[in-house]
Each structure stands twice: as structure tokens, then as C-alpha cells.
C-alpha atoms as a PDB file:
ATOM      1  CA  MET A   1      83.771 110.181 105.896  1.00  0.00           C
ATOM      2  CA  LYS A   2      87.396 109.146 106.074  1.00  0.00           C
ATOM      3  CA  VAL A   3      88.232 106.340 108.486  1.00  0.00           C
ATOM      4  CA  THR A   4      91.364 107.404 110.345  1.00  0.00           C
ATOM      5  CA  SER A   5      93.899 105.081 111.927  1.00  0.00           C
ATOM      6  CA  GLU A   6      92.657 106.242 115.337  1.00  0.00           C
ATOM      7  CA  MET A   7      89.089 105.243 114.446  1.00  0.00           C
ATOM      8  CA  LYS A   8      90.247 101.833 113.201  1.00  0.00           C
ATOM      9  CA  THR A   9      92.222 101.282 116.424  1.00  0.00           C
ATOM     10  CA  MET A  10      89.175 102.186 118.515  1.00  0.00           C
ATOM     11  CA  PHE A  11      86.949  99.813 116.544  1.00  0.00           C
ATOM     12  CA  ASP A  12      89.465  96.977 116.909  1.00  0.00           C
ATOM     13  CA  LYS A  13      89.653  97.561 120.661  1.00  0.00           C
ATOM     14  CA  HIS A  14      85.967  98.013 121.466  1.00  0.00           C
ATOM     15  CA  GLY A  15      84.171  96.268 118.612  1.00  0.00           C
ATOM     16  CA  LEU A  16      82.215  99.434 117.907  1.00  0.00           C
ATOM     17  CA  ILE A  17      82.515 103.072 117.037  1.00  0.00           C
ATOM     18  CA  VAL A  18      79.949 105.867 117.054  1.00  0.00           C
ATOM     19  CA  VAL A  19      80.044 108.389 114.215  1.00  0.00           C
ATOM     20  CA  ARG A  20      78.069 111.516 115.001  1.00  0.00           C
ATOM     21  CA  SER A  21      76.047 113.145 112.203  1.00  0.00           C
ATOM     22  CA  LEU A  22      77.103 110.592 109.603  1.00  0.00           C
ATOM     23  CA  PHE A  23      73.947 111.698 107.810  1.00  0.00           C
ATOM     24  CA  ASP A  24      72.913 115.331 107.893  1.00  0.00           C
ATOM     25  CA  ASP A  25      69.416 116.700 108.459  1.00  0.00           C
ATOM     26  CA  GLU A  26      68.511 116.563 104.753  1.00  0.00           C
ATOM     27  CA  GLU A  27      69.609 112.940 104.431  1.00  0.00           C
ATOM     28  CA  ASN A  28      67.936 111.848 107.640  1.00  0.00           C
ATOM     29  CA  SER A  29      64.749 113.637 106.588  1.00  0.00           C
ATOM     30  CA  LYS A  30      64.715 111.476 103.461  1.00  0.00           C
ATOM     31  CA  LEU A  31      65.284 108.334 105.525  1.00  0.00           C
ATOM     32  CA  ARG A  32      62.422 109.339 107.796  1.00  0.00           C
ATOM     33  CA  GLN A  33      60.178 109.970 104.796  1.00  0.00           C
ATOM     34  CA  ALA A  34      61.066 106.545 103.387  1.00  0.00           C
ATOM     35  CA  ALA A  35      60.286 104.892 106.720  1.00  0.00           C
ATOM     36  CA  GLU A  36      56.979 106.697 107.241  1.00  0.00           C
ATOM     37  CA  HIS A  37      55.582 106.697 103.693  1.00  0.00           C
ATOM     38  CA  LYS A  38      52.055 105.269 103.628  1.00  0.00           C
ATOM     39  CA  ASP A  39      52.886 103.226 100.525  1.00  0.00           C
ATOM     40  CA  GLY A  40      56.327 102.305 101.759  1.00  0.00           C
ATOM     41  CA  LEU A  41      58.325  99.933 103.874  1.00  0.00           C
ATOM     42  CA  THR A  42      55.849  99.429 106.704  1.00  0.00           C
ATOM     43  CA  ASN A  43      53.544  97.564 104.348  1.00  0.00           C
ATOM     44  CA  HIS A  44      56.070  94.728 104.688  1.00  0.00           C
ATOM     45  CA  SER A  45      56.380  94.806 108.481  1.00  0.00           C
ATOM     46  CA  PHE A  46      56.034  91.972 110.984  1.00  0.00           C
ATOM     47  CA  LEU A  47      56.080  91.775 114.774  1.00  0.00           C
ATOM     48  CA  GLN A  48      58.792  90.132 116.833  1.00  0.00           C
ATOM     49  CA  ALA A  49      57.757  89.196 120.357  1.00  0.00           C
ATOM     50  CA  ASP A  50      59.628  90.552 123.360  1.00  0.00           C
ATOM     51  CA  ALA A  51      61.364  87.616 125.043  1.00  0.00           C
ATOM     52  CA  ASN A  52      61.269  89.547 128.341  1.00  0.00           C
ATOM     53  CA  ASP A  53      57.505  90.046 128.173  1.00  0.00           C
ATOM     54  CA  GLY A  54      56.402  86.575 129.217  1.00  0.00           C
ATOM     55  CA  ASP A  55      53.037  85.638 127.739  1.00  0.00           C
ATOM     56  CA  SER A  56      51.387  89.042 128.077  1.00  0.00           C
ATOM     57  CA  GLY A  57      51.750  89.882 124.390  1.00  0.00           C
ATOM     58  CA  LEU A  58      51.803  93.574 125.253  1.00  0.00           C
ATOM     59  CA  ARG A  59      55.343  94.197 124.038  1.00  0.00           C
ATOM     60  CA  SER A  60      56.781  93.643 120.591  1.00  0.00           C
ATOM     61  CA  ILE A  61      59.202  95.082 118.057  1.00  0.00           C
ATOM     62  CA  GLU A  62      57.810  95.978 114.649  1.00  0.00           C
ATOM     63  CA  MET A  63      60.356  95.335 111.908  1.00  0.00           C
ATOM     64  CA  VAL A  64      60.831  95.272 108.169  1.00  0.00           C
ATOM     65  CA  LEU A  65      63.706  93.179 106.820  1.00  0.00           C
ATOM     66  CA  TRP A  66      65.047  92.725 103.296  1.00  0.00           C
ATOM     67  CA  ASN A  67      67.958  91.046 101.521  1.00  0.00           C
ATOM     68  CA  HIS A  68      69.077  93.364  98.744  1.00  0.00           C
ATOM     69  CA  PRO A  69      69.589  97.127  98.999  1.00  0.00           C
ATOM     70  CA  GLY A  70      67.636  98.211  95.926  1.00  0.00           C
ATOM     71  CA  ASN A  71      67.606 101.704  94.445  1.00  0.00           C
ATOM     72  CA  ASP A  72      65.337 103.571  96.842  1.00  0.00           C
ATOM     73  CA  VAL A  73      66.533 105.946  99.569  1.00  0.00           C
ATOM     74  CA  THR A  74      67.274 103.112 102.000  1.00  0.00           C
ATOM     75  CA  GLY A  75      69.206 101.301  99.288  1.00  0.00           C
ATOM     76  CA  MET A  76      71.301 104.359  98.513  1.00  0.00           C
ATOM     77  CA  MET A  77      72.065 104.725 102.205  1.00  0.00           C
ATOM     78  CA  ALA A  78      73.318 101.128 102.390  1.00  0.00           C
ATOM     79  CA  ARG A  79      75.465 101.593  99.296  1.00  0.00           C
ATOM     80  CA  VAL A  80      77.215 104.927  99.952  1.00  0.00           C
ATOM     81  CA  HIS A  81      80.938 104.747 100.588  1.00  0.00           C
ATOM     82  CA  LYS A  82      80.688 106.308 104.039  1.00  0.00           C
ATOM     83  CA  MET A  83      78.709 103.229 105.074  1.00  0.00           C
ATOM     84  CA  ALA A  84      79.885 100.295 102.961  1.00  0.00           C
ATOM     85  CA  THR A  85      83.542 101.204 102.426  1.00  0.00           C
ATOM     86  CA  SER A  86      83.908 102.365 106.024  1.00  0.00           C
ATOM     87  CA  MET A  87      82.643  99.002 107.281  1.00  0.00           C
ATOM     88  CA  GLU A  88      85.157  97.188 105.055  1.00  0.00           C
ATOM     89  CA  ILE A  89      87.962  99.257 106.587  1.00  0.00           C
ATOM     90  CA  PHE A  90      86.780  98.735 110.157  1.00  0.00           C
ATOM     91  CA  MET A  91      86.446  94.982 109.617  1.00  0.00           C
ATOM     92  CA  GLY A  92      89.699  94.672 107.670  1.00  0.00           C
ATOM     93  CA  CYS A  93      87.892  93.106 104.705  1.00  0.00           C
ATOM     94  CA  LYS A  94      88.832  93.680 101.086  1.00  0.00           C
ATOM     95  CA  GLU A  95      85.220  93.368  99.980  1.00  0.00           C
ATOM     96  CA  MET A  96      81.919  92.981 101.802  1.00  0.00           C
ATOM     97  CA  TYR A  97      78.413  92.502 100.488  1.00  0.00           C
ATOM     98  CA  HIS A  98      74.947  93.423 101.691  1.00  0.00           C
ATOM     99  CA  TRP A  99      73.717  90.753 104.120  1.00  0.00           C
ATOM    100  CA  HIS A 100      70.422  92.407 105.003  1.00  0.00           C
ATOM    101  CA  SER A 101      68.814  95.666 106.058  1.00  0.00           C
ATOM    102  CA  LYS A 102      66.030  96.274 108.529  1.00  0.00           C
ATOM    103  CA  LEU A 103      63.800  99.021 109.795  1.00  0.00           C
ATOM    104  CA  ILE A 104      63.390  98.638 113.566  1.00  0.00           C
ATOM    105  CA  MET A 105      60.349 100.333 115.086  1.00  0.00           C
ATOM    106  CA  LYS A 106      59.980 100.481 118.859  1.00  0.00           C
ATOM    107  CA  HIS A 107      56.757 102.307 119.486  1.00  0.00           C
ATOM    108  CA  ALA A 108      56.096 104.465 122.527  1.00  0.00           C
ATOM    109  CA  ARG A 109      55.104 102.525 125.653  1.00  0.00           C
ATOM    110  CA  SER A 110      54.857  99.245 123.784  1.00  0.00           C
ATOM    111  CA  GLY A 111      58.207  98.717 122.070  1.00  0.00           C
ATOM    112  CA  GLY A 112      59.787  95.478 123.233  1.00  0.00           C
ATOM    113  CA  SER A 113      63.390  94.613 123.969  1.00  0.00           C
ATOM    114  CA  HIS A 114      66.048  92.836 121.949  1.00  0.00           C
ATOM    115  CA  VAL A 115      67.701  90.569 124.519  1.00  0.00           C
ATOM    116  CA  TRP A 116      71.465  90.310 125.053  1.00  0.00           C
ATOM    117  CA  HIS A 117      73.006  88.700 121.982  1.00  0.00           C
ATOM    118  CA  GLN A 118      75.689  88.770 119.333  1.00  0.00           C
ATOM    119  CA  ASP A 119      74.532  89.300 115.778  1.00  0.00           C
ATOM    120  CA  TYR A 120      76.702  86.344 114.825  1.00  0.00           C
ATOM    121  CA  GLY A 121      74.772  84.343 117.393  1.00  0.00           C
ATOM    122  CA  TYR A 122      71.941  84.471 114.871  1.00  0.00           C
ATOM    123  CA  TRP A 123      73.969  84.388 111.666  1.00  0.00           C
ATOM    124  CA  TYR A 124      76.144  81.439 112.732  1.00  0.00           C
ATOM    125  CA  THR A 125      73.105  79.232 112.147  1.00  0.00           C
ATOM    126  CA  GLY A 126      72.486  80.885 108.780  1.00  0.00           C
ATOM    127  CA  GLY A 127      75.261  79.108 106.923  1.00  0.00           C
ATOM    128  CA  VAL A 128      78.143  81.546 107.429  1.00  0.00           C
ATOM    129  CA  LEU A 129      81.486  80.188 108.641  1.00  0.00           C
ATOM    130  CA  TYR A 130      83.259  83.360 109.733  1.00  0.00           C
ATOM    131  CA  PRO A 131      82.267  86.279 111.977  1.00  0.00           C
ATOM    132  CA  ASP A 132      83.649  88.770 109.458  1.00  0.00           C
ATOM    133  CA  MET A 133      80.383  90.661 109.506  1.00  0.00           C
ATOM    134  CA  GLY A 134      79.168  93.919 110.940  1.00  0.00           C
ATOM    135  CA  THR A 135      76.162  96.177 111.315  1.00  0.00           C
ATOM    136  CA  VAL A 136      75.641  99.917 111.036  1.00  0.00           C
ATOM    137  CA  LEU A 137      72.694 101.246 113.038  1.00  0.00           C
ATOM    138  CA  VAL A 138      71.486 104.685 111.942  1.00  0.00           C
ATOM    139  CA  ALA A 139      69.188 106.641 114.251  1.00  0.00           C
ATOM    140  CA  ILE A 140      66.023 107.950 112.615  1.00  0.00           C
ATOM    141  CA  ASP A 141      64.752 109.260 115.952  1.00  0.00           C
ATOM    142  CA  LYS A 142      66.603 110.391 119.034  1.00  0.00           C
ATOM    143  CA  CYS A 143      67.661 107.251 120.928  1.00  0.00           C
ATOM    144  CA  THR A 144      67.780 107.711 124.681  1.00  0.00           C
ATOM    145  CA  ARG A 145      67.980 105.666 127.840  1.00  0.00           C
ATOM    146  CA  GLU A 146      64.242 106.210 128.309  1.00  0.00           C
ATOM    147  CA  ASN A 147      63.170 104.910 124.895  1.00  0.00           C
ATOM    148  CA  GLY A 148      65.519 101.937 124.798  1.00  0.00           C
ATOM    149  CA  CYS A 149      68.831 102.953 123.255  1.00  0.00           C
ATOM    150  CA  LEU A 150      71.482 100.336 122.550  1.00  0.00           C
ATOM    151  CA  GLU A 151      73.571  99.006 125.459  1.00  0.00           C
ATOM    152  CA  VAL A 152      76.901  97.306 124.797  1.00  0.00           C
ATOM    153  CA  LEU A 153      79.761  95.406 126.412  1.00  0.00           C
ATOM    154  CA  PRO A 154      82.780  97.051 124.725  1.00  0.00           C
ATOM    155  CA  GLY A 155      85.511  94.603 123.795  1.00  0.00           C
ATOM    156  CA  SER A 156      83.248  91.571 124.120  1.00  0.00           C
ATOM    157  CA  HIS A 157      83.806  90.790 120.434  1.00  0.00           C
ATOM    158  CA  LYS A 158      87.234  89.500 121.430  1.00  0.00           C
ATOM    159  CA  CYS A 159      85.577  86.651 123.340  1.00  0.00           C
ATOM    160  CA  GLY A 160      84.581  85.015 120.067  1.00  0.00           C
ATOM    161  CA  ARG A 161      81.143  83.569 119.462  1.00  0.00           C
ATOM    162  CA  VAL A 162      79.495  82.552 122.713  1.00  0.00           C
ATOM    163  CA  ASP A 163      76.698  80.020 123.048  1.00  0.00           C
ATOM    164  CA  HIS A 164      73.148  81.268 122.541  1.00  0.00           C
ATOM    165  CA  ILE A 165      69.801  79.818 123.497  1.00  0.00           C
ATOM    166  CA  ASN A 166      66.348  80.479 122.085  1.00  0.00           C
ATOM    167  CA  VAL A 167      64.109  82.427 124.457  1.00  0.00           C
ATOM    168  CA  GLY A 168      60.685  83.487 123.262  1.00  0.00           C
ATOM    169  CA  GLY A 169      61.739  83.438 119.621  1.00  0.00           C
ATOM    170  CA  GLN A 170      64.902  85.473 120.180  1.00  0.00           C
ATOM    171  CA  MET A 171      68.462  84.201 120.480  1.00  0.00           C
ATOM    172  CA  THR A 172      70.189  85.276 123.674  1.00  0.00           C
ATOM    173  CA  VAL A 173      73.626  84.760 125.183  1.00  0.00           C
ATOM    174  CA  ASP A 174      73.817  81.876 127.638  1.00  0.00           C
ATOM    175  CA  PRO A 175      72.843  83.499 130.993  1.00  0.00           C
ATOM    176  CA  LYS A 176      75.824  82.139 132.937  1.00  0.00           C
ATOM    177  CA  ARG A 177      78.309  83.331 130.346  1.00  0.00           C
ATOM    178  CA  LEU A 178      76.522  86.688 130.092  1.00  0.00           C
ATOM    179  CA  GLN A 179      76.868  87.253 133.833  1.00  0.00           C
ATOM    180  CA  LEU A 180      80.574  86.419 133.664  1.00  0.00           C
ATOM    181  CA  LEU A 181      81.000  88.922 130.858  1.00  0.00           C
ATOM    182  CA  LYS A 182      79.134  91.587 132.825  1.00  0.00           C
ATOM    183  CA  ASP A 183      81.362  90.901 135.835  1.00  0.00           C
ATOM    184  CA  HIS A 184      84.403  91.739 133.718  1.00  0.00           C
ATOM    185  CA  ILE A 185      83.120  94.390 131.306  1.00  0.00           C
ATOM    186  CA  LYS A 186      81.226  97.544 132.178  1.00  0.00           C
ATOM    187  CA  THR A 187      77.934  98.054 130.328  1.00  0.00           C
ATOM    188  CA  TYR A 188      77.693 101.287 128.339  1.00  0.00           C
ATOM    189  CA  GLN A 189      74.593 102.949 126.945  1.00  0.00           C
ATOM    190  CA  VAL A 190      74.849 104.431 123.456  1.00  0.00           C
ATOM    191  CA  PRO A 191      72.452 107.376 123.041  1.00  0.00           C
ATOM    192  CA  LEU A 192      72.161 108.626 119.474  1.00  0.00           C
ATOM    193  CA  ASN A 193      70.792 111.710 117.775  1.00  0.00           C
ATOM    194  CA  PRO A 194      69.030 111.484 114.403  1.00  0.00           C
ATOM    195  CA  GLY A 195      71.648 110.880 111.716  1.00  0.00           C
ATOM    196  CA  ASP A 196      74.203 109.396 114.133  1.00  0.00           C
ATOM    197  CA  ALA A 197      75.460 105.900 113.362  1.00  0.00           C
ATOM    198  CA  ILE A 198      77.109 103.113 115.327  1.00  0.00           C
ATOM    199  CA  PHE A 199      79.305 100.570 113.536  1.00  0.00           C
ATOM    200  CA  THR A 200      79.474  97.230 115.370  1.00  0.00           C
ATOM    201  CA  HIS A 201      81.346  93.938 115.011  1.00  0.00           C
ATOM    202  CA  ALA A 202      79.115  90.870 114.644  1.00  0.00           C
ATOM    203  CA  ASN A 203      80.516  89.370 117.868  1.00  0.00           C
ATOM    204  CA  LEU A 204      79.844  92.438 120.025  1.00  0.00           C
ATOM    205  CA  VAL A 205      77.488  91.527 122.891  1.00  0.00           C
ATOM    206  CA  HIS A 206      74.663  94.057 123.113  1.00  0.00           C
ATOM    207  CA  TRP A 207      70.974  94.536 123.751  1.00  0.00           C
ATOM    208  CA  ALA A 208      68.253  97.190 123.515  1.00  0.00           C
ATOM    209  CA  PRO A 209      65.749  97.538 126.395  1.00  0.00           C
ATOM    210  CA  GLN A 210      62.021  98.133 126.159  1.00  0.00           C
ATOM    211  CA  ASN A 211      60.681 101.531 125.201  1.00  0.00           C
ATOM    212  CA  ASN A 212      58.879 102.765 128.310  1.00  0.00           C
ATOM    213  CA  SER A 213      58.775 106.383 127.194  1.00  0.00           C
ATOM    214  CA  ASP A 214      56.196 108.491 125.382  1.00  0.00           C
ATOM    215  CA  THR A 215      58.428 108.813 122.303  1.00  0.00           C
ATOM    216  CA  ARG A 216      59.043 106.222 119.619  1.00  0.00           C
ATOM    217  CA  ARG A 217      62.505 104.883 118.743  1.00  0.00           C
ATOM    218  CA  TRP A 218      62.991 104.051 115.071  1.00  0.00           C
ATOM    219  CA  CYS A 219      66.348 102.995 113.600  1.00  0.00           C
ATOM    220  CA  TYR A 220      67.672 101.675 110.327  1.00  0.00           C
ATOM    221  CA  GLY A 221      70.195  98.827 110.482  1.00  0.00           C
ATOM    222  CA  ILE A 222      72.376  97.574 107.609  1.00  0.00           C
ATOM    223  CA  ALA A 223      74.398  94.370 107.924  1.00  0.00           C
ATOM    224  CA  TYR A 224      77.399  93.544 105.759  1.00  0.00           C
ATOM    225  CA  SER A 225      79.296  90.277 105.299  1.00  0.00           C
ATOM    226  CA  ASP A 226      82.686  89.378 103.903  1.00  0.00           C
ATOM    227  CA  VAL A 227      82.580  87.805 100.441  1.00  0.00           C
ATOM    228  CA  GLN A 228      83.908  84.474 101.781  1.00  0.00           C
ATOM    229  CA  ASN A 229      80.796  84.162 103.934  1.00  0.00           C
ATOM    230  CA  SER A 230      78.372  83.255 101.190  1.00  0.00           C
ATOM    231  CA  PRO A 231      76.011  80.814 103.001  1.00  0.00           C
ATOM    232  CA  TYR A 232      76.814  77.139 102.552  1.00  0.00           C
ATOM    233  CA  ASN A 233      73.230  76.010 103.169  1.00  0.00           C
ATOM    234  CA  ASP A 234      69.709  76.996 102.199  1.00  0.00           C
ATOM    235  CA  THR A 235      68.830  80.136 104.138  1.00  0.00           C
ATOM    236  CA  PHE A 236      66.657  83.196 103.757  1.00  0.00           C
ATOM    237  CA  HIS A 237      69.703  85.433 103.404  1.00  0.00           C
ATOM    238  CA  PRO A 238      71.387  85.755 100.006  1.00  0.00           C
ATOM    239  CA  VAL A 239      74.525  84.201  98.606  1.00  0.00           C
ATOM    240  CA  TYR A 240      77.272  86.628  97.688  1.00  0.00           C
ATOM    241  CA  THR A 241      75.960  89.382  95.454  1.00  0.00           C
ATOM    242  CA  PRO A 242      78.375  92.212  94.545  1.00  0.00           C
ATOM    243  CA  LEU A 243      77.456  95.463  96.294  1.00  0.00           C
ATOM    244  CA  ILE A 244      77.374  98.326  93.813  1.00  0.00           C
ATOM    245  CA  LYS A 245      78.576 101.315  95.809  1.00  0.00           C
ATOM    246  CA  VAL A 246      77.508 104.890  95.131  1.00  0.00           C
ATOM    247  CA  ASP A 247      78.882 108.326  95.938  1.00  0.00           C
ATOM    248  CA  ASP A 248      78.129 109.847  99.312  1.00  0.00           C
ATOM    249  CA  ASP A 249      75.707 112.380  97.832  1.00  0.00           C
ATOM    250  CA  ALA A 250      73.424 109.625  96.481  1.00  0.00           C
ATOM    251  CA  VAL A 251      70.938 109.855  99.338  1.00  0.00           C
ATOM    252  CA  ARG A 252      70.408 113.573  98.750  1.00  0.00           C
ATOM    253  CA  LYS A 253      69.863 112.985  95.037  1.00  0.00           C
ATOM    254  CA  CYS A 254      67.478 110.049  95.442  1.00  0.00           C
ATOM    255  CA  GLU A 255      63.729 110.703  95.184  1.00  0.00           C
ATOM    256  CA  ASN A 256      62.625 107.060  95.182  1.00  0.00           C
ATOM    257  CA  PHE A 257      60.637 106.242  98.319  1.00  0.00           C
ATOM    258  CA  THR A 258      58.327 103.456  97.146  1.00  0.00           C
ATOM    259  CA  ASP A 259      59.886 101.437  94.308  1.00  0.00           C
ATOM    260  CA  PHE A 260      61.339  98.401  96.077  1.00  0.00           C
ATOM    261  CA  THR A 261      62.213  96.347  93.022  1.00  0.00           C
ATOM    262  CA  GLY A 262      64.532  93.467  93.941  1.00  0.00           C
ATOM    263  CA  LYS A 263      64.703  94.088  97.689  1.00  0.00           C
ATOM    264  CA  ASP A 264      63.309  90.623  98.609  1.00  0.00           C
ATOM    265  CA  PHE A 265      61.404  91.283 101.834  1.00  0.00           C
ATOM    266  CA  TYR A 266      61.326  88.797 104.699  1.00  0.00           C
ATOM    267  CA  LYS A 267      57.946  87.114 105.090  1.00  0.00           C
ATOM    268  CA  ARG A 268      57.317  85.994 108.633  1.00  0.00           C
ATOM    269  CA  ASP A 269      54.967  83.180 107.704  1.00  0.00           C
ATOM    270  CA  TYR A 270      57.506  81.032 105.941  1.00  0.00           C
ATOM    271  CA  ASP A 271      60.959  82.593 105.863  1.00  0.00           C
ATOM    272  CA  SER A 272      63.558  81.844 108.507  1.00  0.00           C
ATOM    273  CA  PHE A 273      66.382  83.976 109.803  1.00  0.00           C
END
């Protein structure tokens, strides 16, 4: 993928851009296989409670999170130029490194919501000084309004970091400020087909509703950070580690679905975001 000047202008204006079919059917099939493998990523999963679910405990988001890309299919996907180099261009950074990756699994009828937030609302407390960070969310499944696709406030990244509060274990934008933002910015839903990707700025305000449908919604998210953002304090996320990029055909060539050497998985019991 070549990032055009028009794409860069759109990203700067809206804080996001959707790239359709960034990964073709063969590549997405490999991502799906990596996500579903019985000896794979889900053996490292944990549950995040839905802050909008009260105390019922009926809704949650199953996730797997890791620090370093590795050499498996998911690692190749994080390292290809059409992901990593494209994010550097969109963010205007000379060099970015892998901040973390995560498999997000919202199961049918039980998948919980991610409340309104900025990614930097979390990462600000993780020892990074600048919001020169971004995420690419790749759809494994079809993401629709019914199964909880992403909803965004385009241009909200220009507001800078807004205050967040902890609600039910999730960080959410201060409700009063959120309402003011909604009064000024129209909310847009971002449906995705398998293989589509959305690049987002770390200060973009967004959320993903509950999955109330009969179909699951699985996505793969990769976060990148500018090299100057190596954490200044002790945090779960890594200090600057050079990202070794690979050619765009690396996902097709990769047959590694279960060797996760060096990925450094998040462990809910004692790690902290």
C-alpha cells in the first residue's frame, strides 16, 4: 500500500482512515487460523469486564495482549510495511516501534463494550510523554452495527488528551466533556469487512458497543509508538525496541501459528496496563 498525500490529509483531518482490503482473503485466512488455533493465542486470553454491564457479570471482552511482535503470523502482520511504515507516514514519525498487539474477541450475545475513550487516555499513565502513537485495527470477522463495530468522533484527536476516569476497570472520557464533544462532532460508525483496517490516532475518541447479535466480532489491533516515547517509568509495556520490518508478502509466506517465542504475553493476575 502506498500512502498518498490525499490519505495523509484525511488522516490529519479526521484522526483516522479506513483502508479496505488491506489484507486479502489468503492473508486474512491465515490471521483467522492463528486466532482460532487450539494451541494458539487464546491459551493466553483474559476477560475484561464491561463497564456498562453493572454487576451482572454477563458481559465481557475476551482479549489476548502481548508486547513484542514475534515471528508468527500475527507478528508478520504487525511488521509488514503496509502496516508499520504506513502508520509512520500517517503520524509523521521518522520511526515507530511496536507498543503492543491484541486479539479482541467479542462473542455473540455476550461480548461487552469498550467505553468511550482515547487510547492515549490509557497510555498516558504508562510512562509515555507524547501522544505520537496510533493503532491499526484489522477485522478478522465482519464488523457491523449489530455486533458492535467501532464508533468514532472524527477530528476529536485535535482536542488533545482529555481527562479520563476509571469505570468498572476501564478508562473512559469524563462524561461532561464527552457530551460536549458529542454536541459538536457527529458520531460515525465504522463497519468493516474481513481484511479491512482502520488506522487511528491515539487521541481519537471512540468506543465499541456490546455485541447483541448472533455473530461474533473478532479483531486484531496493533499499536505503535514513536521512538521518543520509551516509557520513563516501570510499566508492563516495553521500552523502545527497534521494529524489524518485513516485506508485504511476509504474511502469505509465514506458516508459524503457534511458536510465540519472545512475544511477552500480558498476565492479568499481576501485570498492569
